[in-house]
């Protein structure tokens, strides 16, 4: 389900029109989040840490309205629920795209997420489908081999993309804390640094709980 935003009544109308004319309307921020407690909690539950932080990411995405905005044929819509289209790595070093539905609790999210990740790992190629091509998703990727401080994405400018992209890097320990690089790339016509900052702050709060 989605609801169209009335552009004439939107306080970001000029921002949307301005940045939508850019060849590259996306901007990105990279931050390091403290995952000390979150990692311990996931391991104590014998749960995949990848799926744990994917769930927490989706929980925050769905809580912040601007992260649920999408552009479709020049109009802006707010979706009721946002899911994930993550890249899932295989033993042969390739990856495939998956589609994982968001659920209200981690316990209800986990079965479908495990089924989808295993299914993609047993295939080859990119696994492109109508599901992975949906716009009511975030594009999510893990790069666990690299502690990055910046990140760019391959972009096809002829395709008017508005899907947020969240990537995480290699976590590491410093001063007794476990830190995780998190990169967030979003359409500047739909949100600003304030909204990305809010996303990172709320994600950190969930990691601390």
Protein backbone atom coordinates (compact mmCIF):
# COMPACT_ATOMS: atom_id res chain seq x y z
CA UNK A 1 0.00 0.00 0.00
CA UNK A 2 1.16 3.52 -0.77
CA UNK A 3 -0.11 7.09 -0.54
CA UNK A 4 0.73 9.84 -3.01
CA UNK A 5 2.22 13.00 -1.50
CA UNK A 6 0.50 16.22 -2.64
CA UNK A 7 3.56 18.06 -3.98
CA UNK A 8 1.94 21.51 -3.85
CA UNK A 9 1.46 21.11 -0.10
CA UNK A 10 4.87 19.55 0.57
CA UNK A 11 7.44 21.76 2.27
CA UNK A 12 10.15 19.99 0.23
CA UNK A 13 8.56 20.66 -3.17
CA UNK A 14 11.38 22.95 -4.35
CA UNK A 15 14.05 20.65 -2.93
CA UNK A 16 12.48 17.70 -4.76
CA UNK A 17 12.24 19.54 -8.07
CA UNK A 18 15.77 20.93 -7.76
CA UNK A 19 17.61 17.70 -6.95
CA UNK A 20 15.47 15.56 -9.27
CA UNK A 21 17.06 17.43 -12.17
CA UNK A 22 20.57 16.26 -11.22
CA UNK A 23 22.35 13.50 -13.13
CA UNK A 24 23.33 12.16 -9.70
CA UNK A 25 20.72 13.14 -7.09
CA UNK A 26 22.06 10.73 -4.46
CA UNK A 27 24.31 11.74 -1.58
CA UNK A 28 25.95 9.53 1.01
CA UNK A 29 27.17 9.56 4.59
CA UNK A 30 29.43 7.02 6.32
CA UNK A 31 29.44 6.66 10.09
CA UNK A 32 30.80 4.16 12.61
CA UNK A 33 28.26 2.68 15.00
CA UNK A 34 28.93 0.90 18.27
CA UNK A 35 27.72 -2.70 17.95
CA UNK A 36 29.29 -4.06 21.14
CA UNK A 37 26.01 -4.99 22.81
CA UNK A 38 24.15 -5.84 19.58
CA UNK A 39 26.81 -8.35 18.54
CA UNK A 40 26.77 -10.02 21.97
CA UNK A 41 22.98 -10.18 21.91
CA UNK A 42 22.88 -11.78 18.45
CA UNK A 43 25.51 -14.36 19.32
CA UNK A 44 23.81 -15.19 22.63
CA UNK A 45 20.67 -15.95 20.63
CA UNK A 46 22.72 -18.02 18.16
CA UNK A 47 21.44 -15.74 15.40
CA UNK A 48 23.13 -14.52 12.25
CA UNK A 49 24.57 -11.09 12.98
CA UNK A 50 24.03 -10.13 9.32
CA UNK A 51 20.31 -10.83 9.62
CA UNK A 52 20.18 -9.19 13.04
CA UNK A 53 21.51 -5.85 11.84
CA UNK A 54 19.49 -6.12 8.61
CA UNK A 55 16.34 -6.44 10.71
CA UNK A 56 17.31 -3.52 12.92
CA UNK A 57 18.04 -1.44 9.83
CA UNK A 58 14.62 -2.22 8.37
CA UNK A 59 12.98 -1.40 11.68
CA UNK A 60 14.47 2.10 11.62
CA UNK A 61 13.73 2.57 7.91
CA UNK A 62 10.07 1.82 8.53
CA UNK A 63 9.97 4.16 11.53
CA UNK A 64 11.22 7.21 9.57
CA UNK A 65 8.68 8.39 7.01
CA UNK A 66 11.20 9.93 4.62
CA UNK A 67 12.91 6.56 4.17
CA UNK A 68 9.58 5.22 2.91
CA UNK A 69 9.30 7.84 0.13
CA UNK A 70 9.75 6.65 -3.44
CA UNK A 71 9.50 8.34 -6.83
CA UNK A 72 7.36 6.63 -9.45
CA UNK A 73 6.81 8.32 -12.83
CA UNK A 74 7.55 11.74 -11.41
CA UNK A 75 5.24 11.41 -8.42
CA UNK A 76 6.28 10.87 -4.80
CA UNK A 77 4.63 8.10 -2.80
CA UNK A 78 4.92 7.08 0.83
CA UNK A 79 4.82 3.30 1.24
CA UNK A 80 3.27 1.71 4.30
CA UNK A 81 6.03 -0.89 4.62
CA UNK A 82 9.56 -1.18 3.24
CA UNK A 83 11.31 -4.51 2.75
CA UNK A 84 14.88 -5.44 1.80
CA UNK A 85 16.61 -6.43 -1.39
CA UNK A 86 20.02 -7.47 -0.06
CA UNK A 87 23.06 -8.83 -1.84
CA UNK A 88 23.76 -12.34 -0.56
CA UNK A 89 27.26 -13.75 -0.94
CA UNK A 90 28.12 -17.28 -2.01
CA UNK A 91 31.08 -19.54 -1.32
CA UNK A 92 32.37 -18.99 -4.89
CA UNK A 93 32.67 -15.22 -4.09
CA UNK A 94 29.76 -14.22 -6.34
CA UNK A 95 26.53 -12.77 -5.01
CA UNK A 96 22.86 -12.78 -5.85
CA UNK A 97 20.03 -10.40 -5.06
CA UNK A 98 17.35 -11.50 -2.62
CA UNK A 99 14.02 -10.22 -1.38
CA UNK A 100 13.26 -10.34 2.35
CA UNK A 101 10.00 -9.10 3.82
CA UNK A 102 10.01 -6.93 6.90
CA UNK A 103 8.20 -8.30 9.95
CA UNK A 104 7.35 -6.61 13.22
CA UNK A 105 9.63 -8.80 15.34
CA UNK A 106 13.03 -10.37 14.77
CA UNK A 107 11.56 -13.78 15.64
CA UNK A 108 8.96 -13.50 12.86
CA UNK A 109 11.45 -11.94 10.43
CA UNK A 110 14.12 -14.62 10.84
CA UNK A 111 12.48 -17.71 9.21
CA UNK A 112 11.77 -15.98 5.89
CA UNK A 113 15.17 -14.30 5.92
CA UNK A 114 16.98 -17.60 6.49
CA UNK A 115 14.97 -19.31 3.74
CA UNK A 116 15.72 -16.56 1.22
CA UNK A 117 19.44 -16.30 1.98
CA UNK A 118 19.88 -20.07 1.67
CA UNK A 119 17.89 -20.16 -1.56
CA UNK A 120 20.07 -17.48 -3.16
CA UNK A 121 23.26 -19.21 -2.01
CA UNK A 122 22.19 -22.40 -3.76
CA UNK A 123 21.75 -20.65 -7.12
CA UNK A 124 24.04 -18.83 -9.54
CA UNK A 125 23.87 -15.49 -11.29
CA UNK A 126 22.24 -12.32 -10.05
CA UNK A 127 18.79 -13.80 -9.28
CA UNK A 128 17.03 -10.73 -10.66
CA UNK A 129 13.25 -10.87 -10.40
CA UNK A 130 10.15 -8.73 -10.07
CA UNK A 131 10.59 -9.01 -6.30
CA UNK A 132 14.19 -7.80 -6.20
CA UNK A 133 13.25 -5.02 -8.62
CA UNK A 134 10.53 -3.58 -6.40
CA UNK A 135 10.91 0.01 -5.23
CA UNK A 136 9.34 -0.58 -1.80
CA UNK A 137 12.69 -1.92 -0.58
CA UNK A 138 16.08 -0.74 0.55
CA UNK A 139 19.15 -1.99 -1.28
CA UNK A 140 21.33 -3.55 1.38
CA UNK A 141 24.83 -4.97 1.17
CA UNK A 142 27.52 -6.20 3.53
CA UNK A 143 31.22 -5.83 2.74
CA UNK A 144 32.70 -7.76 5.69
CA UNK A 145 36.20 -7.85 4.24
CA UNK A 146 36.82 -4.10 4.35
CA UNK A 147 36.74 -1.43 7.02
CA UNK A 148 35.67 1.43 4.79
CA UNK A 149 35.40 5.17 5.40
CA UNK A 150 33.70 5.99 2.10
CA UNK A 151 31.56 4.17 -0.46
CA UNK A 152 30.11 4.73 -3.93
CA UNK A 153 27.59 2.68 -5.88
CA UNK A 154 27.31 1.61 -9.51
CA UNK A 155 24.51 3.75 -10.93
CA UNK A 156 22.53 3.65 -14.19
CA UNK A 157 21.52 7.29 -14.59
CA UNK A 158 18.93 6.56 -17.29
CA UNK A 159 16.96 4.71 -14.59
CA UNK A 160 15.31 7.15 -12.20
CA UNK A 161 16.26 5.44 -8.96
CA UNK A 162 15.02 6.59 -5.55
CA UNK A 163 15.69 3.51 -3.40
CA UNK A 164 17.92 4.13 -0.35
CA UNK A 165 21.10 2.07 -0.19
CA UNK A 166 22.59 0.91 3.09
CA UNK A 167 25.93 -0.87 3.27
CA UNK A 168 27.99 -2.12 6.19
CA UNK A 169 31.68 -2.90 6.32
CA UNK A 170 34.07 -4.95 8.42
CA UNK A 171 33.54 -4.49 12.12
CA UNK A 172 36.56 -4.04 14.36
CA UNK A 173 37.51 -3.45 17.99
CA UNK A 174 38.86 -0.16 19.31
CA UNK A 175 39.22 0.94 22.93
CA UNK A 176 37.15 -2.03 24.05
CA UNK A 177 34.25 -1.30 21.70
CA UNK A 178 33.14 -3.09 18.54
CA UNK A 179 32.56 -0.61 15.72
CA UNK A 180 30.74 -1.09 12.42
CA UNK A 181 31.09 1.20 9.37
CA UNK A 182 27.64 2.03 7.97
CA UNK A 183 27.15 3.84 4.64
CA UNK A 184 23.79 5.39 3.76
CA UNK A 185 23.09 6.72 0.26
CA UNK A 186 19.77 8.43 -0.43
CA UNK A 187 17.99 10.64 -2.98
CA UNK A 188 18.51 14.28 -2.00
CA UNK A 189 15.13 15.24 -3.41
CA UNK A 190 13.46 13.09 -0.78
CA UNK A 191 15.59 13.79 2.27
CA UNK A 192 18.57 15.67 3.68
CA UNK A 193 21.44 15.12 6.06
CA UNK A 194 19.05 15.63 8.96
CA UNK A 195 17.09 12.50 8.01
CA UNK A 196 20.22 10.38 7.51
CA UNK A 197 21.51 11.60 10.86
CA UNK A 198 18.20 10.62 12.45
CA UNK A 199 18.43 7.18 10.84
CA UNK A 200 21.96 6.62 12.19
CA UNK A 201 21.02 7.88 15.65
CA UNK A 202 17.96 5.63 15.89
CA UNK A 203 19.89 2.64 14.57
CA UNK A 204 22.53 3.21 17.25
CA UNK A 205 19.77 3.34 19.87
CA UNK A 206 18.48 -0.05 18.73
CA UNK A 207 22.00 -1.49 18.79
CA UNK A 208 22.33 -0.25 22.39
CA UNK A 209 19.10 -1.83 23.63
